[in-house]
Protein backbone atom coordinates (compact mmCIF):
# COMPACT_ATOMS: atom_id res chain seq x y z
CA MET A 1 97.01 79.33 122.95
CA LYS A 2 96.89 80.77 119.43
CA GLU A 3 100.02 82.48 118.16
CA VAL A 4 99.64 85.92 116.55
CA TYR A 5 102.23 88.02 114.75
CA ILE A 6 101.60 91.76 114.47
CA ILE A 7 102.73 93.18 111.12
CA ILE A 8 103.40 96.90 110.80
CA VAL A 9 104.41 98.52 107.51
CA THR A 10 106.42 101.67 108.17
CA TYR A 11 107.42 104.63 106.04
CA ASN A 12 108.85 107.67 107.84
CA ALA A 13 106.98 106.63 110.97
CA MET A 14 108.76 108.62 113.68
CA THR A 15 105.63 110.63 114.53
CA TRP A 16 103.78 107.51 115.69
CA ILE A 17 106.15 104.57 116.08
CA LYS A 18 106.82 104.84 119.84
CA GLU A 19 103.14 104.80 120.78
CA CYS A 20 102.43 102.13 118.21
CA LEU A 21 105.13 99.72 119.39
CA ASP A 22 104.57 100.47 123.09
CA SER A 23 100.96 99.36 122.60
CA CYS A 24 102.17 96.08 121.06
CA LYS A 25 104.25 94.90 124.01
CA GLY A 26 103.73 91.24 124.79
CA TYR A 27 103.24 90.29 121.14
CA LYS A 28 105.61 89.20 118.41
CA VAL A 29 106.02 92.10 115.99
CA ILE A 30 107.31 92.26 112.43
CA VAL A 31 108.06 95.68 110.96
CA VAL A 32 108.40 95.90 107.19
CA ASP A 33 110.06 99.22 106.45
CA ASN A 34 109.47 100.77 103.02
CA ASN A 35 112.88 102.47 102.75
CA SER A 36 112.17 105.24 105.26
CA ASN A 37 114.47 108.26 105.00
CA ASP A 38 113.97 109.36 108.60
CA LYS A 39 115.23 107.57 111.75
CA THR A 40 112.46 104.95 111.87
CA VAL A 41 114.66 101.87 111.40
CA SER A 42 117.49 102.93 113.71
CA TYR A 43 115.02 104.03 116.40
CA ILE A 44 113.27 100.66 116.37
CA SER A 45 116.56 98.77 116.34
CA VAL A 46 117.85 100.59 119.41
CA ASN A 47 114.66 100.84 121.45
CA TYR A 48 112.81 97.67 120.46
CA PRO A 49 115.50 95.04 119.77
CA GLU A 50 112.90 92.25 120.04
CA VAL A 51 111.06 93.55 116.96
CA ILE A 52 111.86 91.80 113.68
CA ILE A 53 112.71 94.44 111.05
CA LEU A 54 112.52 93.57 107.37
CA LYS A 55 114.17 96.50 105.60
CA GLN A 56 113.27 97.10 101.95
CA LYS A 57 115.47 98.83 99.39
CA ASN A 58 112.51 100.61 97.83
CA ASN A 59 109.05 101.79 98.82
CA LEU A 60 106.93 98.79 97.83
CA GLY A 61 103.61 100.28 98.88
CA PHE A 62 101.20 99.02 101.52
CA GLY A 63 100.05 95.70 100.05
CA ARG A 64 103.38 94.34 98.81
CA ALA A 65 105.11 95.22 102.07
CA ASN A 66 102.37 93.54 104.11
CA ASN A 67 102.72 90.44 101.93
CA ILE A 68 106.41 90.25 102.88
CA GLY A 69 105.51 90.39 106.57
CA ILE A 70 102.75 87.82 106.06
CA ASN A 71 105.22 85.48 104.32
CA TYR A 72 107.57 85.69 107.28
CA ALA A 73 104.78 85.07 109.79
CA ILE A 74 103.31 82.13 107.88
CA ASN A 75 106.69 80.43 107.74
CA THR A 76 106.94 80.57 111.54
CA GLY A 77 103.84 78.38 111.78
CA CYS A 78 101.70 81.01 113.54
CA ASP A 79 97.89 80.94 113.54
CA TYR A 80 97.01 84.56 112.81
CA VAL A 81 98.48 87.80 111.56
CA PHE A 82 97.30 91.16 112.85
CA LEU A 83 97.92 93.97 110.38
CA LEU A 84 98.40 97.29 112.17
CA ASN A 85 98.98 100.73 110.68
CA GLN A 86 102.00 102.68 111.88
CA ASP A 87 99.59 105.39 113.08
CA ALA A 88 97.35 103.03 115.06
CA TYR A 89 97.67 101.85 118.67
CA LEU A 90 96.21 98.83 120.43
CA VAL A 91 93.76 99.47 123.27
CA GLY A 92 93.89 96.89 126.07
CA ASN A 93 93.57 93.24 125.09
CA VAL A 94 92.09 93.98 121.67
CA ILE A 95 93.92 91.16 119.86
CA ASP A 96 92.87 88.54 122.41
CA ARG A 97 89.26 89.69 122.03
CA LEU A 98 89.45 89.38 118.26
CA VAL A 99 90.97 85.90 118.43
CA ASN A 100 88.32 84.71 120.89
CA VAL A 101 85.53 86.06 118.69
CA HIS A 102 87.04 84.37 115.66
CA LEU A 103 87.26 80.99 117.39
CA ASN A 104 83.49 81.17 117.80
CA ASN A 105 82.91 82.57 114.30
CA LEU A 106 85.14 80.63 111.93
CA ASP A 107 83.25 81.85 108.87
CA TYR A 108 84.94 85.27 109.22
CA GLY A 109 88.08 85.90 107.18
CA ILE A 110 88.79 89.40 108.48
CA LEU A 111 87.97 90.85 111.90
CA SER A 112 88.51 94.48 112.82
CA PRO A 113 88.12 96.32 116.10
CA ILE A 114 86.30 99.65 116.41
CA HIS A 115 88.53 102.55 115.30
CA ILE A 116 88.51 105.55 117.65
CA ASN A 117 90.30 108.88 117.57
CA LYS A 118 93.39 109.85 119.59
CA LYS A 119 91.28 111.48 122.34
CA GLU A 120 89.25 108.26 122.60
CA ASN A 121 86.00 110.25 122.60
CA LEU A 122 84.82 109.74 119.01
CA LEU A 123 84.85 107.16 116.28
CA ASP A 124 87.56 107.69 113.70
CA GLU A 125 85.81 109.77 111.03
CA LYS A 126 86.59 107.59 108.03
CA PHE A 127 85.83 104.42 109.96
CA SER A 128 82.46 105.91 110.86
CA ASN A 129 81.81 106.64 107.18
CA TYR A 130 82.65 103.06 106.20
CA LEU A 131 80.02 101.78 108.60
CA ASN A 132 77.44 104.44 107.73
CA SER A 133 75.72 102.24 105.20
CA PRO A 134 72.29 100.61 104.83
CA LYS A 135 74.14 97.30 105.03
CA ASN A 136 75.35 98.20 108.52
CA LYS A 137 72.12 99.51 110.05
CA ASN A 138 72.13 97.01 112.94
CA PHE A 139 75.53 98.23 114.10
CA TYR A 140 74.35 101.82 114.58
CA SER A 141 70.90 100.90 115.84
CA ASP A 142 72.25 98.66 118.58
CA TYR A 143 74.62 101.36 119.81
CA VAL A 144 72.13 104.23 119.66
CA LEU A 145 69.20 102.27 121.13
CA ASN A 146 71.38 100.67 123.81
CA ASN A 147 70.52 97.18 122.58
CA ASP A 148 72.57 94.16 123.55
CA LEU A 149 75.63 94.26 121.33
CA LYS A 150 76.53 91.31 119.15
CA ASP A 151 80.09 90.05 119.40
CA VAL A 152 80.65 90.75 115.72
CA TYR A 153 78.84 92.68 113.00
CA LYS A 154 79.16 91.64 109.38
CA VAL A 155 80.19 94.53 107.10
CA PRO A 156 81.03 94.68 103.39
CA PHE A 157 84.24 96.61 104.01
CA VAL A 158 86.47 97.97 106.75
CA ASN A 159 89.84 99.57 106.08
CA ALA A 160 92.99 97.59 106.79
CA ALA A 161 94.38 99.73 109.62
CA SER A 162 93.86 96.85 112.07
CA TRP A 163 92.88 93.48 110.64
CA LEU A 164 93.07 90.06 112.25
CA ILE A 165 93.33 87.40 109.53
CA PRO A 166 93.68 83.64 110.12
CA ILE A 167 96.58 82.02 108.26
CA LYS A 168 94.20 79.34 106.97
CA VAL A 169 92.18 82.02 105.20
CA LEU A 170 95.25 83.66 103.65
CA LEU A 171 96.32 80.32 102.19
CA GLU A 172 92.92 80.04 100.49
CA VAL A 173 92.24 83.64 99.48
CA GLY A 174 95.78 85.00 99.14
CA GLY A 175 97.52 88.17 100.21
CA PHE A 176 97.14 91.69 98.90
CA ASP A 177 96.79 92.07 95.14
CA THR A 178 100.04 93.55 93.83
CA MET A 179 98.31 95.64 91.15
CA PHE A 180 97.68 98.16 93.96
CA PHE A 181 100.40 100.37 95.45
CA LEU A 182 98.53 102.33 98.10
CA TYR A 183 94.75 102.37 98.63
CA GLY A 184 92.31 99.97 97.02
CA GLU A 185 94.15 96.84 98.11
CA ASP A 186 91.94 96.46 101.19
CA ASP A 187 88.76 96.88 99.11
CA ASN A 188 90.03 94.17 96.78
CA LEU A 189 90.82 91.71 99.57
CA CYS A 190 87.40 92.26 101.17
CA GLN A 191 85.82 91.53 97.77
CA ARG A 192 87.79 88.30 97.51
CA MET A 193 86.77 87.27 101.03
CA GLU A 194 83.13 87.56 100.00
CA PHE A 195 83.68 85.61 96.78
CA HIS A 196 85.39 82.76 98.65
CA LYS A 197 82.57 82.62 101.24
CA TYR A 198 84.31 84.37 104.12
CA LYS A 199 82.78 87.29 106.02
CA VAL A 200 84.34 90.59 107.03
CA GLY A 201 83.37 91.79 110.50
CA VAL A 202 83.76 94.46 113.16
CA VAL A 203 84.06 93.29 116.76
CA SER A 204 81.95 95.51 118.99
CA LYS A 205 83.96 95.33 122.23
CA ALA A 206 87.47 95.73 120.82
CA LYS A 207 89.13 99.06 120.01
CA VAL A 208 92.19 100.59 118.40
CA ILE A 209 93.20 104.23 118.27
CA HIS A 210 93.71 105.56 114.74
CA ASP A 211 95.81 108.69 115.16
CA ARG A 212 95.12 110.69 112.00
CA GLU A 213 92.76 113.55 112.87
CA PHE A 214 95.46 116.21 112.54
CA ARG A 215 96.18 115.47 108.89
CA ASN A 216 95.21 118.07 106.34
CA LYS A 217 92.57 117.04 103.84
CA THR A 218 93.74 117.42 100.27
CA ILE A 219 91.38 118.94 97.73
CA ILE A 220 91.91 117.18 94.41
CA LYS A 221 91.07 119.09 91.24
CA LYS A 222 89.49 117.30 88.31
CA TYR A 223 92.02 116.08 85.73
CA SER A 224 94.96 116.80 88.05
CA LYS A 225 97.70 114.24 88.75
CA GLY A 226 95.96 113.32 92.01
CA TYR A 227 92.66 112.93 90.19
CA PHE A 228 94.07 110.40 87.72
CA LYS A 229 95.78 108.55 90.56
CA GLN A 230 92.39 108.18 92.24
CA GLN A 231 90.76 107.17 88.96
CA LEU A 232 93.27 104.37 88.46
CA ILE A 233 92.56 102.98 91.93
CA SER A 234 88.83 103.27 91.30
CA TYR A 235 89.10 101.38 88.00
CA LYS A 236 91.07 98.57 89.61
CA VAL A 237 88.68 98.26 92.58
CA SER A 238 85.54 98.40 90.45
CA PHE A 239 86.51 96.34 87.42
CA GLY A 240 88.61 93.90 89.44
CA ASN A 241 85.61 93.02 91.64
CA ILE A 242 85.02 89.29 91.16
CA ASN A 243 81.61 89.43 92.83
CA ASN A 244 79.71 91.53 90.29
CA ASN A 245 81.27 90.68 86.92
CA GLY A 246 83.30 93.87 87.10
CA LEU A 247 85.48 92.74 84.22
CA LEU A 248 82.48 92.72 81.87
CA LYS A 249 81.83 96.40 82.56
CA ILE A 250 85.13 97.67 81.16
CA LYS A 251 83.89 97.80 77.58
CA SER A 252 80.81 99.85 78.44
CA LYS A 253 82.94 102.23 80.53
CA LYS A 254 85.34 102.79 77.65
CA THR A 255 82.38 103.46 75.34
CA PHE A 256 80.94 105.97 77.82
CA ILE A 257 84.24 107.85 78.13
CA TYR A 258 84.68 107.89 74.33
CA LYS A 259 81.22 109.45 73.95
CA GLN A 260 82.21 112.09 76.52
CA VAL A 261 85.26 112.91 74.39
CA LEU A 262 83.16 113.31 71.23
CA LYS A 263 80.49 115.37 72.98
CA ASN A 264 83.01 117.82 74.36
CA VAL A 265 84.76 118.12 71.00
CA PHE A 266 81.42 119.27 69.60
CA PHE A 267 81.06 121.90 72.33
CA LEU A 268 84.72 122.95 71.95
CA LYS A 269 85.53 122.10 75.58
CA PHE A 270 89.07 121.06 74.80
CA LYS A 271 90.29 120.92 78.41
CA THR A 272 87.56 118.37 79.14
CA VAL A 273 88.35 116.52 75.90
CA LEU A 274 91.98 116.13 76.97
CA GLY A 275 90.97 115.06 80.48
CA GLU A 276 88.52 112.42 79.27
CA PHE A 277 90.95 111.20 76.64
CA ASN A 278 93.51 110.68 79.42
CA ASN A 279 90.84 108.81 81.40
CA LEU A 280 90.32 106.51 78.43
CA ARG A 281 94.06 106.01 77.98
CA LEU A 282 94.43 105.22 81.70
CA LEU A 283 91.73 102.57 81.59
CA ARG A 284 93.20 100.95 78.48
CA LEU A 285 96.63 100.77 80.12
CA ALA A 286 95.18 99.22 83.27
CA GLU A 287 92.90 96.74 81.50
CA LEU A 288 95.42 93.92 81.00
CA GLU A 289 96.55 94.09 84.62
CA ILE A 290 92.93 94.09 85.81
CA ARG A 291 92.07 91.08 83.64
CA LYS A 292 95.01 89.03 84.97
CA SER A 293 94.13 89.96 88.55
CA TYR A 294 90.45 89.11 88.05
CA GLN A 295 91.14 85.62 86.72
CA LYS A 296 93.71 84.82 89.41
CA ASN A 297 91.57 86.03 92.29
CA LYS A 298 88.65 83.78 91.35
CA LEU A 299 90.83 80.77 92.15
CA LYS A 300 91.71 79.58 95.64
CA GLY A 301 95.36 79.72 96.62
CA PRO A 302 98.04 81.76 98.41
CA HIS A 303 98.24 84.31 95.61
CA TYR A 304 100.82 87.11 95.96
CA LEU A 305 102.53 85.21 98.79
CA LYS A 306 105.92 83.50 98.45
CA LEU A 307 105.96 80.63 100.91
CA LYS A 308 108.91 78.37 101.72
């Protein structure tokens, strides 16, 4: 019997944590709390005393906090970790299904179940968008045409709301890249899986609920604080990609942005000039971090993990 630890990173999780942890009964669970300022930690301590809580003094972000949970799990000698969002809930024996599929498909480094909405009547919208790609055409065709479903479908990316990862793979590929705080870290790890000859897959007959439909969608204005936050993530994901010589594209990107600055100076569009200049400054500041990450991630090893 393979041993699995569920790892849940929490931050002000009271809206979801009861349903999340109730769905995890029967498994060993590690919660890494990112310094919540609601009652998350005390609620778990009182109502789920069997759960291991690793309280952090600061909000470390998604990747770093998961790495702490992964470290703990690895040092127990377990076989797999299952990363689960605080707003996601297991459906039935989803983890057992994933483990069984992996045992017959050892070339996969990440396996994800299907993500469905809270009502369990639709695919989670963002999950659906991730799979709506020419690279995933068999997945949709088999469902729509009522073909026999494969156990697992290879995909280039699936978000990290519910990932099964073998410990063996983590020791070769590493944990989450610490240059990311929130968002982009799952893209980066999927890229590294591909580079190190592991596949990323979605298991067709396993499901989790991703409870996020009610959230308001934020409209981000160009050159706003949110815009530059997204740009920074985009730069790190794109130029840190070890599969397509992303690092070599930084110079041409800087040249392109510089030309945009000059062009808009000529047309007296000073708001755009300032925005593009800040884009250029952002990329220059991130370049050293991206270069270090790129070189490290090309090597095999338990990067970003602190093992005993």
